Each structure stands twice: as structure tokens, then as C-alpha cells.
Protein backbone atom coordinates (compact mmCIF):
# COMPACT_ATOMS: atom_id res chain seq x y z
CA MET A 1 -4.87 13.59 -13.00
CA SER A 2 -5.20 16.98 -11.34
CA LEU A 3 -4.40 20.24 -13.11
CA LYS A 4 -1.52 20.75 -10.68
CA ASN A 5 -0.01 17.40 -11.70
CA ILE A 6 -0.50 18.16 -15.39
CA VAL A 7 1.33 21.48 -15.07
CA GLN A 8 4.09 19.90 -13.01
CA GLY A 9 4.49 17.03 -15.50
CA TYR A 10 4.86 19.33 -18.49
CA SER A 11 7.12 21.75 -16.58
CA ASN A 12 9.44 19.06 -15.26
CA SER A 13 9.58 17.42 -18.68
CA ALA A 14 10.70 20.73 -20.20
CA LEU A 15 13.24 21.26 -17.42
CA ASN A 16 14.62 17.79 -18.06
CA LYS A 17 14.96 18.47 -21.79
CA ALA A 18 16.84 21.66 -20.91
CA GLY A 19 19.12 19.64 -18.62
CA ILE A 20 18.19 21.51 -15.46
CA LEU A 21 15.79 19.12 -13.70
CA SER A 22 17.20 17.73 -10.47
CA GLU A 23 18.91 14.39 -10.84
CA ASP A 24 16.59 12.62 -8.39
CA LYS A 25 13.44 13.76 -10.23
CA ALA A 26 14.90 12.83 -13.61
CA HIS A 27 15.85 9.39 -12.28
CA LYS A 28 12.39 8.84 -10.79
CA ALA A 29 10.73 9.79 -14.09
CA GLU A 30 13.05 7.47 -16.01
CA GLU A 31 12.26 4.56 -13.68
CA ARG A 32 8.53 5.20 -14.06
CA MET A 33 8.79 5.38 -17.86
CA ASN A 34 10.63 2.05 -17.94
CA ILE A 35 7.80 0.47 -15.95
CA CYS A 36 5.24 1.96 -18.35
CA ARG A 37 7.10 0.62 -21.40
CA GLY A 38 6.69 -2.90 -20.00
CA CYS A 39 2.97 -2.52 -19.26
CA ASP A 40 0.22 -4.02 -21.43
CA THR A 41 -1.79 -0.77 -21.30
CA PHE A 42 1.02 1.38 -22.74
CA ILE A 43 0.71 2.43 -26.39
CA VAL A 44 4.24 3.10 -27.65
CA LEU A 45 3.41 5.22 -30.70
CA SER A 46 1.27 7.73 -28.80
CA MET A 47 2.95 7.35 -25.37
CA VAL A 48 -0.55 6.99 -23.85
CA CYS A 49 -1.77 4.63 -21.15
CA ASP A 50 -4.76 2.93 -22.82
CA LYS A 51 -7.91 3.68 -20.86
CA SER A 52 -9.85 0.89 -22.60
CA LYS A 53 -7.44 -1.61 -21.00
CA GLY A 54 -7.72 -0.19 -17.49
CA GLY A 55 -5.11 2.53 -17.88
CA CYS A 56 -5.47 6.20 -17.05
CA GLY A 57 -5.54 7.67 -20.57
CA CYS A 58 -2.67 10.03 -19.79
CA HIS A 59 0.33 10.96 -21.90
CA MET A 60 2.92 9.07 -19.94
CA ASP A 61 5.92 10.95 -21.30
CA LYS A 62 4.61 13.87 -19.23
CA LYS A 63 2.81 12.13 -16.34
CA VAL A 64 5.98 10.37 -15.18
CA TYR A 65 7.39 13.84 -14.38
CA ALA A 66 4.48 14.74 -12.07
CA MET A 67 6.07 13.68 -8.81
CA ASN A 68 2.77 13.28 -6.90
CA ALA A 69 0.99 11.38 -9.69
CA SER A 70 0.51 7.63 -9.51
CA CYS A 71 -0.22 4.69 -11.76
CA PRO A 72 -3.86 3.49 -11.73
CA LYS A 73 -2.54 -0.08 -11.78
CA GLN A 74 -0.35 0.71 -8.75
CA LYS A 75 2.88 -0.13 -10.59
CA TRP A 76 4.51 3.10 -9.39
């Protein structure tokens, strides 16, 4: 994931926690997170997409907020 996407993911996550992220972005992130929760590469305790199983290795609780990021398994 690019540095730009990392910054955007963390920023949008913080904005969402503060209740000021736009509704469409918050909804998109929520949809993505639901997909991740159902994936076999997702590690619930660490919120990481397991690279050893073909995932990206990212912290998904932040990556889902990077609007230009994508899933390496093409699920979103």
C-alpha cells in the first residue's frame, strides 16, 4: 500500500471515530470490513490480512478507510 493510502486510511479512520467522516466513505469502509471479516486471510485478533495466506499484510481496520486501496484477492 502506498504512503498516500496509509495516511488516508489512518486519517479517515480518525475522522470516523470523531463522527465527522462523510457518510458515503464510512459506509464504504464498513462494507469492506465486513468482507474482510468473512475472509480466510483475516486475523481477527490483530485485524491484519495474513500475508502468509496470500493476503496483503495490512492492518485492515485502517486500510478499509483508504478509498483508493484495494484487496489483493480482489474482493473489494
